[in-house]
Amino acid sequence: MDNSPVYIPINGVIDLHTFAPKDVSEVVDEYLNVCSQKGIVEVKIIHGKGRGVLRRTVECALKRHPLVLSFKQDSGPSSWGATIVLLKGPGRSKDESKI
């Protein structure tokens, strides 16, 4: 089993299909941290539709993450296959916390 680090672009969009389900919470947590450090405050997490297991795992991770202001299912073409996350950013007020 290869435990080498996986390098992914930090551009505000992450597709979780390339990660083992057991690693998803940790991947989401770290990705959000790095996005925030880079000033990215809106993130799209692609988890797929399926039976919703991965989506629920993502939602649990988002509810616990201290930088998450809000999140919702993507209303675009990916629909329930992705979640849009709004992160805390410099100078972001509570009025801007809803997406």
PDB file of N, CA and C in Angstrom:
ATOM      1  N   MET A   1       0.844  -1.185   0.000  1.00  0.00           N
ATOM      2  CA  MET A   1       0.000   0.000   0.000  1.00  0.00           C
ATOM      3  C   MET A   1       0.890   1.249   0.000  1.00  0.00           C
ATOM      4  N   ASP A   2       0.582   2.179  -0.861  1.00  0.00           N
ATOM      5  CA  ASP A   2       1.380   3.392  -1.015  1.00  0.00           C
ATOM      6  C   ASP A   2       0.847   4.486  -0.103  1.00  0.00           C
ATOM      7  N   ASN A   3       1.666   4.941   0.824  1.00  0.00           N
ATOM      8  CA  ASN A   3       1.276   6.010   1.746  1.00  0.00           C
ATOM      9  C   ASN A   3       1.921   7.331   1.371  1.00  0.00           C
ATOM     10  N   SER A   4       2.329   7.470   0.126  1.00  0.00           N
ATOM     11  CA  SER A   4       2.938   8.713  -0.344  1.00  0.00           C
ATOM     12  C   SER A   4       1.904   9.827  -0.329  1.00  0.00           C
ATOM     13  N   PRO A   5       2.351  11.066  -0.085  1.00  0.00           N
ATOM     14  CA  PRO A   5       1.410  12.187  -0.112  1.00  0.00           C
ATOM     15  C   PRO A   5       0.807  12.344  -1.509  1.00  0.00           C
ATOM     16  N   VAL A   6      -0.439  12.770  -1.529  1.00  0.00           N
ATOM     17  CA  VAL A   6      -1.119  13.047  -2.791  1.00  0.00           C
ATOM     18  C   VAL A   6      -1.132  14.562  -2.969  1.00  0.00           C
ATOM     19  N   TYR A   7      -0.660  15.024  -4.117  1.00  0.00           N
ATOM     20  CA  TYR A   7      -0.634  16.449  -4.395  1.00  0.00           C
ATOM     21  C   TYR A   7      -1.811  16.802  -5.289  1.00  0.00           C
ATOM     22  N   ILE A   8      -2.618  17.739  -4.828  1.00  0.00           N
ATOM     23  CA  ILE A   8      -3.777  18.169  -5.602  1.00  0.00           C
ATOM     24  C   ILE A   8      -3.735  19.689  -5.738  1.00  0.00           C
ATOM     25  N   PRO A   9      -4.272  20.208  -6.840  1.00  0.00           N
ATOM     26  CA  PRO A   9      -4.286  21.673  -6.989  1.00  0.00           C
ATOM     27  C   PRO A   9      -5.216  22.309  -5.961  1.00  0.00           C
ATOM     28  N   ILE A  10      -4.806  23.435  -5.437  1.00  0.00           N
ATOM     29  CA  ILE A  10      -5.628  24.175  -4.472  1.00  0.00           C
ATOM     30  C   ILE A  10      -6.257  25.332  -5.247  1.00  0.00           C
ATOM     31  N   ASN A  11      -7.443  25.067  -5.804  1.00  0.00           N
ATOM     32  CA  ASN A  11      -8.117  26.060  -6.644  1.00  0.00           C
ATOM     33  C   ASN A  11      -9.580  26.264  -6.250  1.00  0.00           C
ATOM     34  N   GLY A  12      -9.971  25.691  -5.108  1.00  0.00           N
ATOM     35  CA  GLY A  12     -11.345  25.861  -4.644  1.00  0.00           C
ATOM     36  C   GLY A  12     -12.291  24.768  -5.097  1.00  0.00           C
ATOM     37  N   VAL A  13     -11.784  23.768  -5.817  1.00  0.00           N
ATOM     38  CA  VAL A  13     -12.611  22.634  -6.245  1.00  0.00           C
ATOM     39  C   VAL A  13     -11.844  21.356  -5.963  1.00  0.00           C
ATOM     40  N   ILE A  14     -12.476  20.437  -5.241  1.00  0.00           N
ATOM     41  CA  ILE A  14     -11.846  19.151  -4.973  1.00  0.00           C
ATOM     42  C   ILE A  14     -12.827  18.028  -5.303  1.00  0.00           C
ATOM     43  N   ASP A  15     -12.332  17.031  -6.019  1.00  0.00           N
ATOM     44  CA  ASP A  15     -13.122  15.853  -6.371  1.00  0.00           C
ATOM     45  C   ASP A  15     -12.673  14.711  -5.470  1.00  0.00           C
ATOM     46  N   LEU A  16     -13.576  14.247  -4.638  1.00  0.00           N
ATOM     47  CA  LEU A  16     -13.234  13.227  -3.643  1.00  0.00           C
ATOM     48  C   LEU A  16     -13.217  11.813  -4.202  1.00  0.00           C
ATOM     49  N   HIS A  17     -13.556  11.630  -5.459  1.00  0.00           N
ATOM     50  CA  HIS A  17     -13.593  10.287  -6.051  1.00  0.00           C
ATOM     51  C   HIS A  17     -12.225   9.612  -6.060  1.00  0.00           C
ATOM     52  N   THR A  18     -11.151  10.382  -5.978  1.00  0.00           N
ATOM     53  CA  THR A  18      -9.808   9.803  -6.025  1.00  0.00           C
ATOM     54  C   THR A  18      -9.282   9.400  -4.651  1.00  0.00           C
ATOM     55  N   PHE A  19     -10.082   9.596  -3.604  1.00  0.00           N
ATOM     56  CA  PHE A  19      -9.648   9.296  -2.247  1.00  0.00           C
ATOM     57  C   PHE A  19     -10.446   8.134  -1.660  1.00  0.00           C
ATOM     58  N   ALA A  20      -9.789   7.378  -0.784  1.00  0.00           N
ATOM     59  CA  ALA A  20     -10.471   6.293  -0.078  1.00  0.00           C
ATOM     60  C   ALA A  20     -11.506   6.899   0.864  1.00  0.00           C
ATOM     61  N   PRO A  21     -12.691   6.301   0.955  1.00  0.00           N
ATOM     62  CA  PRO A  21     -13.739   6.848   1.840  1.00  0.00           C
ATOM     63  C   PRO A  21     -13.266   7.082   3.272  1.00  0.00           C
ATOM     64  N   LYS A  22     -12.385   6.231   3.771  1.00  0.00           N
ATOM     65  CA  LYS A  22     -11.908   6.396   5.155  1.00  0.00           C
ATOM     66  C   LYS A  22     -11.056   7.651   5.335  1.00  0.00           C
ATOM     67  N   ASP A  23     -10.539   8.199   4.228  1.00  0.00           N
ATOM     68  CA  ASP A  23      -9.678   9.382   4.297  1.00  0.00           C
ATOM     69  C   ASP A  23     -10.416  10.694   4.041  1.00  0.00           C
ATOM     70  N   VAL A  24     -11.676  10.619   3.659  1.00  0.00           N
ATOM     71  CA  VAL A  24     -12.407  11.808   3.198  1.00  0.00           C
ATOM     72  C   VAL A  24     -12.478  12.917   4.243  1.00  0.00           C
ATOM     73  N   SER A  25     -12.802  12.604   5.478  1.00  0.00           N
ATOM     74  CA  SER A  25     -12.904  13.648   6.513  1.00  0.00           C
ATOM     75  C   SER A  25     -11.595  14.402   6.665  1.00  0.00           C
ATOM     76  N   GLU A  26     -10.493  13.667   6.717  1.00  0.00           N
ATOM     77  CA  GLU A  26      -9.178  14.296   6.871  1.00  0.00           C
ATOM     78  C   GLU A  26      -8.810  15.117   5.634  1.00  0.00           C
ATOM     79  N   VAL A  27      -9.125  14.603   4.450  1.00  0.00           N
ATOM     80  CA  VAL A  27      -8.827  15.316   3.205  1.00  0.00           C
ATOM     81  C   VAL A  27      -9.612  16.631   3.151  1.00  0.00           C
ATOM     82  N   VAL A  28     -10.905  16.574   3.462  1.00  0.00           N
ATOM     83  CA  VAL A  28     -11.744  17.781   3.443  1.00  0.00           C
ATOM     84  C   VAL A  28     -11.217  18.796   4.450  1.00  0.00           C
ATOM     85  N   ASP A  29     -10.904  18.346   5.641  1.00  0.00           N
ATOM     86  CA  ASP A  29     -10.404  19.233   6.686  1.00  0.00           C
ATOM     87  C   ASP A  29      -9.139  19.958   6.227  1.00  0.00           C
ATOM     88  N   GLU A  30      -8.185  19.215   5.714  1.00  0.00           N
ATOM     89  CA  GLU A  30      -6.918  19.811   5.293  1.00  0.00           C
ATOM     90  C   GLU A  30      -7.109  20.707   4.070  1.00  0.00           C
ATOM     91  N   TYR A  31      -7.945  20.287   3.133  1.00  0.00           N
ATOM     92  CA  TYR A  31      -8.177  21.095   1.929  1.00  0.00           C
ATOM     93  C   TYR A  31      -8.782  22.447   2.296  1.00  0.00           C
ATOM     94  N   LEU A  32      -9.757  22.457   3.204  1.00  0.00           N
ATOM     95  CA  LEU A  32     -10.372  23.713   3.629  1.00  0.00           C
ATOM     96  C   LEU A  32      -9.357  24.619   4.324  1.00  0.00           C
ATOM     97  N   ASN A  33      -8.494  24.030   5.137  1.00  0.00           N
ATOM     98  CA  ASN A  33      -7.457  24.820   5.813  1.00  0.00           C
ATOM     99  C   ASN A  33      -6.542  25.500   4.800  1.00  0.00           C
ATOM    100  N   VAL A  34      -6.098  24.748   3.799  1.00  0.00           N
ATOM    101  CA  VAL A  34      -5.178  25.304   2.805  1.00  0.00           C
ATOM    102  C   VAL A  34      -5.890  26.342   1.933  1.00  0.00           C
ATOM    103  N   CYS A  35      -7.145  26.075   1.556  1.00  0.00           N
ATOM    104  CA  CYS A  35      -7.906  27.070   0.791  1.00  0.00           C
ATOM    105  C   CYS A  35      -7.988  28.379   1.561  1.00  0.00           C
ATOM    106  N   SER A  36      -8.300  28.297   2.837  1.00  0.00           N
ATOM    107  CA  SER A  36      -8.403  29.497   3.662  1.00  0.00           C
ATOM    108  C   SER A  36      -7.077  30.243   3.707  1.00  0.00           C
ATOM    109  N   GLN A  37      -5.987  29.514   3.879  1.00  0.00           N
ATOM    110  CA  GLN A  37      -4.662  30.140   3.908  1.00  0.00           C
ATOM    111  C   GLN A  37      -4.355  30.857   2.600  1.00  0.00           C
ATOM    112  N   LYS A  38      -4.880  30.347   1.492  1.00  0.00           N
ATOM    113  CA  LYS A  38      -4.646  30.950   0.177  1.00  0.00           C
ATOM    114  C   LYS A  38      -5.676  32.034  -0.156  1.00  0.00           C
ATOM    115  N   GLY A  39      -6.601  32.307   0.760  1.00  0.00           N
ATOM    116  CA  GLY A  39      -7.599  33.345   0.528  1.00  0.00           C
ATOM    117  C   GLY A  39      -8.803  32.885  -0.274  1.00  0.00           C
ATOM    118  N   ILE A  40      -8.944  31.591  -0.462  1.00  0.00           N
ATOM    119  CA  ILE A  40     -10.108  31.041  -1.171  1.00  0.00           C
ATOM    120  C   ILE A  40     -11.227  30.858  -0.150  1.00  0.00           C
ATOM    121  N   VAL A  41     -12.347  31.544  -0.349  1.00  0.00           N
ATOM    122  CA  VAL A  41     -13.421  31.495   0.645  1.00  0.00           C
ATOM    123  C   VAL A  41     -14.663  30.728   0.161  1.00  0.00           C
ATOM    124  N   GLU A  42     -14.700  30.356  -1.115  1.00  0.00           N
ATOM    125  CA  GLU A  42     -15.795  29.519  -1.604  1.00  0.00           C
ATOM    126  C   GLU A  42     -15.189  28.270  -2.225  1.00  0.00           C
ATOM    127  N   VAL A  43     -15.626  27.117  -1.732  1.00  0.00           N
ATOM    128  CA  VAL A  43     -15.052  25.835  -2.132  1.00  0.00           C
ATOM    129  C   VAL A  43     -16.161  24.918  -2.625  1.00  0.00           C
ATOM    130  N   LYS A  44     -15.884  24.196  -3.699  1.00  0.00           N
ATOM    131  CA  LYS A  44     -16.801  23.190  -4.221  1.00  0.00           C
ATOM    132  C   LYS A  44     -16.202  21.819  -3.944  1.00  0.00           C
ATOM    133  N   ILE A  45     -16.945  20.998  -3.213  1.00  0.00           N
ATOM    134  CA  ILE A  45     -16.509  19.645  -2.894  1.00  0.00           C
ATOM    135  C   ILE A  45     -17.372  18.674  -3.694  1.00  0.00           C
ATOM    136  N   ILE A  46     -16.747  17.951  -4.608  1.00  0.00           N
ATOM    137  CA  ILE A  46     -17.471  16.995  -5.445  1.00  0.00           C
ATOM    138  C   ILE A  46     -17.398  15.624  -4.779  1.00  0.00           C
ATOM    139  N   HIS A  47     -18.558  15.104  -4.398  1.00  0.00           N
ATOM    140  CA  HIS A  47     -18.624  13.815  -3.711  1.00  0.00           C
ATOM    141  C   HIS A  47     -19.442  12.794  -4.473  1.00  0.00           C
ATOM    142  N   GLY A  48     -20.166  13.222  -5.507  1.00  0.00           N
ATOM    143  CA  GLY A  48     -20.999  12.300  -6.270  1.00  0.00           C
ATOM    144  C   GLY A  48     -22.357  12.109  -5.624  1.00  0.00           C
ATOM    145  N   LYS A  49     -23.234  11.484  -6.358  1.00  0.00           N
ATOM    146  CA  LYS A  49     -24.603  11.283  -5.871  1.00  0.00           C
ATOM    147  C   LYS A  49     -24.720   9.950  -5.143  1.00  0.00           C
ATOM    148  N   GLY A  50     -24.630   8.859  -5.834  1.00  0.00           N
ATOM    149  CA  GLY A  50     -24.655   7.531  -5.212  1.00  0.00           C
ATOM    150  C   GLY A  50     -25.734   7.378  -4.164  1.00  0.00           C
ATOM    151  N   ARG A  51     -25.373   6.712  -3.070  1.00  0.00           N
ATOM    152  CA  ARG A  51     -26.324   6.495  -1.966  1.00  0.00           C
ATOM    153  C   ARG A  51     -26.245   7.591  -0.910  1.00  0.00           C
ATOM    154  N   GLY A  52     -25.338   8.549  -1.104  1.00  0.00           N
ATOM    155  CA  GLY A  52     -25.251   9.670  -0.170  1.00  0.00           C
ATOM    156  C   GLY A  52     -24.316   9.463   1.002  1.00  0.00           C
ATOM    157  N   VAL A  53     -23.613   8.336   1.032  1.00  0.00           N
ATOM    158  CA  VAL A  53     -22.715   8.061   2.155  1.00  0.00           C
ATOM    159  C   VAL A  53     -21.581   9.076   2.204  1.00  0.00           C
ATOM    160  N   LEU A  54     -20.942   9.310   1.068  1.00  0.00           N
ATOM    161  CA  LEU A  54     -19.841  10.267   1.014  1.00  0.00           C
ATOM    162  C   LEU A  54     -20.323  11.685   1.310  1.00  0.00           C
ATOM    163  N   ARG A  55     -21.503  12.048   0.815  1.00  0.00           N
ATOM    164  CA  ARG A  55     -22.075  13.374   1.084  1.00  0.00           C
ATOM    165  C   ARG A  55     -22.277  13.563   2.584  1.00  0.00           C
ATOM    166  N   ARG A  56     -22.795  12.557   3.246  1.00  0.00           N
ATOM    167  CA  ARG A  56     -23.020  12.662   4.696  1.00  0.00           C
ATOM    168  C   ARG A  56     -21.692  12.773   5.452  1.00  0.00           C
ATOM    169  N   THR A  57     -20.677  12.060   4.994  1.00  0.00           N
ATOM    170  CA  THR A  57     -19.357  12.165   5.612  1.00  0.00           C
ATOM    171  C   THR A  57     -18.818  13.583   5.461  1.00  0.00           C
ATOM    172  N   VAL A  58     -18.975  14.154   4.270  1.00  0.00           N
ATOM    173  CA  VAL A  58     -18.533  15.522   4.005  1.00  0.00           C
ATOM    174  C   VAL A  58     -19.289  16.495   4.907  1.00  0.00           C
ATOM    175  N   GLU A  59     -20.606  16.352   4.991  1.00  0.00           N
ATOM    176  CA  GLU A  59     -21.413  17.258   5.818  1.00  0.00           C
ATOM    177  C   GLU A  59     -20.997  17.202   7.279  1.00  0.00           C
ATOM    178  N   CYS A  60     -20.700  16.011   7.791  1.00  0.00           N
ATOM    179  CA  CYS A  60     -20.243  15.883   9.186  1.00  0.00           C
ATOM    180  C   CYS A  60     -18.922  16.624   9.385  1.00  0.00           C
ATOM    181  N   ALA A  61     -18.009  16.485   8.416  1.00  0.00           N
ATOM    182  CA  ALA A  61     -16.718  17.175   8.504  1.00  0.00           C
ATOM    183  C   ALA A  61     -16.922  18.687   8.467  1.00  0.00           C
ATOM    184  N   LEU A  62     -17.846  19.155   7.614  1.00  0.00           N
ATOM    185  CA  LEU A  62     -18.096  20.597   7.498  1.00  0.00           C
ATOM    186  C   LEU A  62     -18.714  21.163   8.768  1.00  0.00           C
ATOM    187  N   LYS A  63     -19.599  20.419   9.395  1.00  0.00           N
ATOM    188  CA  LYS A  63     -20.246  20.894  10.631  1.00  0.00           C
ATOM    189  C   LYS A  63     -19.229  21.082  11.756  1.00  0.00           C
ATOM    190  N   ARG A  64     -18.163  20.299  11.733  1.00  0.00           N
ATOM    191  CA  ARG A  64     -17.137  20.367  12.786  1.00  0.00           C
ATOM    192  C   ARG A  64     -16.038  21.377  12.485  1.00  0.00           C
ATOM    193  N   HIS A  65     -15.894  21.767  11.233  1.00  0.00           N
ATOM    194  CA  HIS A  65     -14.742  22.590  10.846  1.00  0.00           C
ATOM    195  C   HIS A  65     -14.919  24.034  11.305  1.00  0.00           C
ATOM    196  N   PRO A  66     -13.938  24.575  12.019  1.00  0.00           N
ATOM    197  CA  PRO A  66     -14.073  25.923  12.584  1.00  0.00           C
ATOM    198  C   PRO A  66     -14.079  27.053  11.546  1.00  0.00           C
ATOM    199  N   LEU A  67     -13.620  26.814  10.333  1.00  0.00           N
ATOM    200  CA  LEU A  67     -13.581  27.865   9.315  1.00  0.00           C
ATOM    201  C   LEU A  67     -14.831  27.922   8.445  1.00  0.00           C
ATOM    202  N   VAL A  68     -15.728  26.955   8.601  1.00  0.00           N
ATOM    203  CA  VAL A  68     -16.922  26.885   7.753  1.00  0.00           C
ATOM    204  C   VAL A  68     -18.010  27.808   8.291  1.00  0.00           C
ATOM    205  N   LEU A  69     -18.430  28.754   7.444  1.00  0.00           N
ATOM    206  CA  LEU A  69     -19.551  29.623   7.797  1.00  0.00           C
ATOM    207  C   LEU A  69     -20.870  28.958   7.428  1.00  0.00           C
ATOM    208  N   SER A  70     -20.930  28.385   6.223  1.00  0.00           N
ATOM    209  CA  SER A  70     -22.146  27.716   5.780  1.00  0.00           C
ATOM    210  C   SER A  70     -21.819  26.808   4.612  1.00  0.00           C
ATOM    211  N   PHE A  71     -22.778  25.927   4.298  1.00  0.00           N
ATOM    212  CA  PHE A  71     -22.628  25.057   3.136  1.00  0.00           C
ATOM    213  C   PHE A  71     -24.008  24.641   2.652  1.00  0.00           C
ATOM    214  N   LYS A  72     -24.075  24.291   1.365  1.00  0.00           N
ATOM    215  CA  LYS A  72     -25.330  23.845   0.769  1.00  0.00           C
ATOM    216  C   LYS A  72     -25.016  22.943  -0.415  1.00  0.00           C
ATOM    217  N   GLN A  73     -26.011  22.184  -0.827  1.00  0.00           N
ATOM    218  CA  GLN A  73     -25.844  21.361  -2.015  1.00  0.00           C
ATOM    219  C   GLN A  73     -25.770  22.264  -3.238  1.00  0.00           C
ATOM    220  N   ASP A  74     -24.900  21.917  -4.171  1.00  0.00           N
ATOM    221  CA  ASP A  74     -24.739  22.699  -5.395  1.00  0.00           C
ATOM    222  C   ASP A  74     -26.033  22.651  -6.197  1.00  0.00           C
ATOM    223  N   SER A  75     -26.481  23.811  -6.663  1.00  0.00           N
ATOM    224  CA  SER A  75     -27.708  23.864  -7.455  1.00  0.00           C
ATOM    225  C   SER A  75     -27.404  23.853  -8.951  1.00  0.00           C
ATOM    226  N   GLY A  76     -26.126  23.773  -9.307  1.00  0.00           N
ATOM    227  CA  GLY A  76     -25.721  23.751 -10.708  1.00  0.00           C
ATOM    228  C   GLY A  76     -25.892  22.369 -11.318  1.00  0.00           C
ATOM    229  N   PRO A  77     -25.192  22.112 -12.426  1.00  0.00           N
ATOM    230  CA  PRO A  77     -25.338  20.849 -13.142  1.00  0.00           C
ATOM    231  C   PRO A  77     -25.003  19.622 -12.292  1.00  0.00           C
ATOM    232  N   SER A  78     -24.117  19.788 -11.302  1.00  0.00           N
ATOM    233  CA  SER A  78     -23.754  18.632 -10.476  1.00  0.00           C
ATOM    234  C   SER A  78     -24.816  18.328  -9.429  1.00  0.00           C
ATOM    235  N   SER A  79     -25.694  19.289  -9.172  1.00  0.00           N
ATOM    236  CA  SER A  79     -26.812  19.131  -8.247  1.00  0.00           C
ATOM    237  C   SER A  79     -26.365  18.507  -6.930  1.00  0.00           C
ATOM    238  N   TRP A  80     -26.964  17.403  -6.551  1.00  0.00           N
ATOM    239  CA  TRP A  80     -26.669  16.769  -5.267  1.00  0.00           C
ATOM    240  C   TRP A  80     -25.304  16.088  -5.245  1.00  0.00           C
ATOM    241  N   GLY A  81     -24.568  16.136  -6.353  1.00  0.00           N
ATOM    242  CA  GLY A  81     -23.258  15.497  -6.408  1.00  0.00           C
ATOM    243  C   GLY A  81     -22.131  16.368  -5.898  1.00  0.00           C
ATOM    244  N   ALA A  82     -22.448  17.586  -5.447  1.00  0.00           N
ATOM    245  CA  ALA A  82     -21.414  18.487  -4.935  1.00  0.00           C
ATOM    246  C   ALA A  82     -21.987  19.388  -3.848  1.00  0.00           C
ATOM    247  N   THR A  83     -21.113  19.846  -2.995  1.00  0.00           N
ATOM    248  CA  THR A  83     -21.480  20.761  -1.912  1.00  0.00           C
ATOM    249  C   THR A  83     -20.644  22.031  -2.052  1.00  0.00           C
ATOM    250  N   ILE A  84     -21.301  23.172  -1.920  1.00  0.00           N
ATOM    251  CA  ILE A  84     -20.635  24.473  -1.957  1.00  0.00           C
ATOM    252  C   ILE A  84     -20.447  24.939  -0.515  1.00  0.00           C
ATOM    253  N   VAL A  85     -19.212  25.340  -0.196  1.00  0.00           N
ATOM    254  CA  VAL A  85     -18.855  25.716   1.168  1.00  0.00           C
ATOM    255  C   VAL A  85     -18.383  27.168   1.175  1.00  0.00           C
ATOM    256  N   LEU A  86     -18.860  27.936   2.136  1.00  0.00           N
ATOM    257  CA  LEU A  86     -18.397  29.306   2.342  1.00  0.00           C
ATOM    258  C   LEU A  86     -17.535  29.323   3.606  1.00  0.00           C
ATOM    259  N   LEU A  87     -16.290  29.756   3.444  1.00  0.00           N
ATOM    260  CA  LEU A  87     -15.348  29.792   4.564  1.00  0.00           C
ATOM    261  C   LEU A  87     -15.237  31.196   5.147  1.00  0.00           C
ATOM    262  N   LYS A  88     -14.843  31.247   6.398  1.00  0.00           N
ATOM    263  CA  LYS A  88     -14.537  32.526   7.014  1.00  0.00           C
ATOM    264  C   LYS A  88     -13.343  33.120   6.287  1.00  0.00           C
ATOM    265  N   GLY A  89     -13.386  34.407   6.082  1.00  0.00           N
ATOM    266  CA  GLY A  89     -12.268  35.088   5.432  1.00  0.00           C
ATOM    267  C   GLY A  89     -12.017  36.402   6.117  1.00  0.00           C
ATOM    268  N   PRO A  90     -10.945  37.071   5.764  1.00  0.00           N
ATOM    269  CA  PRO A  90     -10.642  38.352   6.381  1.00  0.00           C
ATOM    270  C   PRO A  90     -11.769  39.352   6.155  1.00  0.00           C
ATOM    271  N   GLY A  91     -12.268  39.918   7.219  1.00  0.00           N
ATOM    272  CA  GLY A  91     -13.281  40.956   7.117  1.00  0.00           C
ATOM    273  C   GLY A  91     -14.667  40.459   6.748  1.00  0.00           C
ATOM    274  N   ARG A  92     -14.879  39.153   6.719  1.00  0.00           N
ATOM    275  CA  ARG A  92     -16.192  38.620   6.345  1.00  0.00           C
ATOM    276  C   ARG A  92     -17.144  38.768   7.527  1.00  0.00           C
ATOM    277  N   SER A  93     -18.269  39.416   7.288  1.00  0.00           N
ATOM    278  CA  SER A  93     -19.229  39.633   8.362  1.00  0.00           C
ATOM    279  C   SER A  93     -20.244  38.502   8.406  1.00  0.00           C
ATOM    280  N   LYS A  94     -20.990  38.428   9.503  1.00  0.00           N
ATOM    281  CA  LYS A  94     -22.011  37.398   9.644  1.00  0.00           C
ATOM    282  C   LYS A  94     -23.107  37.549   8.596  1.00  0.00           C
ATOM    283  N   ASP A  95     -23.315  38.778   8.097  1.00  0.00           N
ATOM    284  CA  ASP A  95     -24.316  38.997   7.059  1.00  0.00           C
ATOM    285  C   ASP A  95     -23.952  38.280   5.771  1.00  0.00           C
ATOM    286  N   GLU A  96     -22.682  37.983   5.577  1.00  0.00           N
ATOM    287  CA  GLU A  96     -22.230  37.324   4.358  1.00  0.00           C
ATOM    288  C   GLU A  96     -22.115  35.814   4.539  1.00  0.00           C
ATOM    289  N   SER A  97     -22.582  35.283   5.644  1.00  0.00           N
ATOM    290  CA  SER A  97     -22.358  33.876   5.938  1.00  0.00           C
ATOM    291  C   SER A  97     -23.356  32.932   5.290  1.00  0.00           C
ATOM    292  N   LYS A  98     -24.335  33.431   4.605  1.00  0.00           N
ATOM    293  CA  LYS A  98     -25.314  32.569   3.941  1.00  0.00           C
ATOM    294  C   LYS A  98     -25.051  32.523   2.456  1.00  0.00           C
ATOM    295  N   ILE A  99     -25.089  31.307   1.916  1.00  0.00           N
ATOM    296  CA  ILE A  99     -24.919  31.156   0.469  1.00  0.00           C
ATOM    297  C   ILE A  99     -26.159  30.526  -0.120  1.00  0.00           C
TER     298      ILE A  99
END
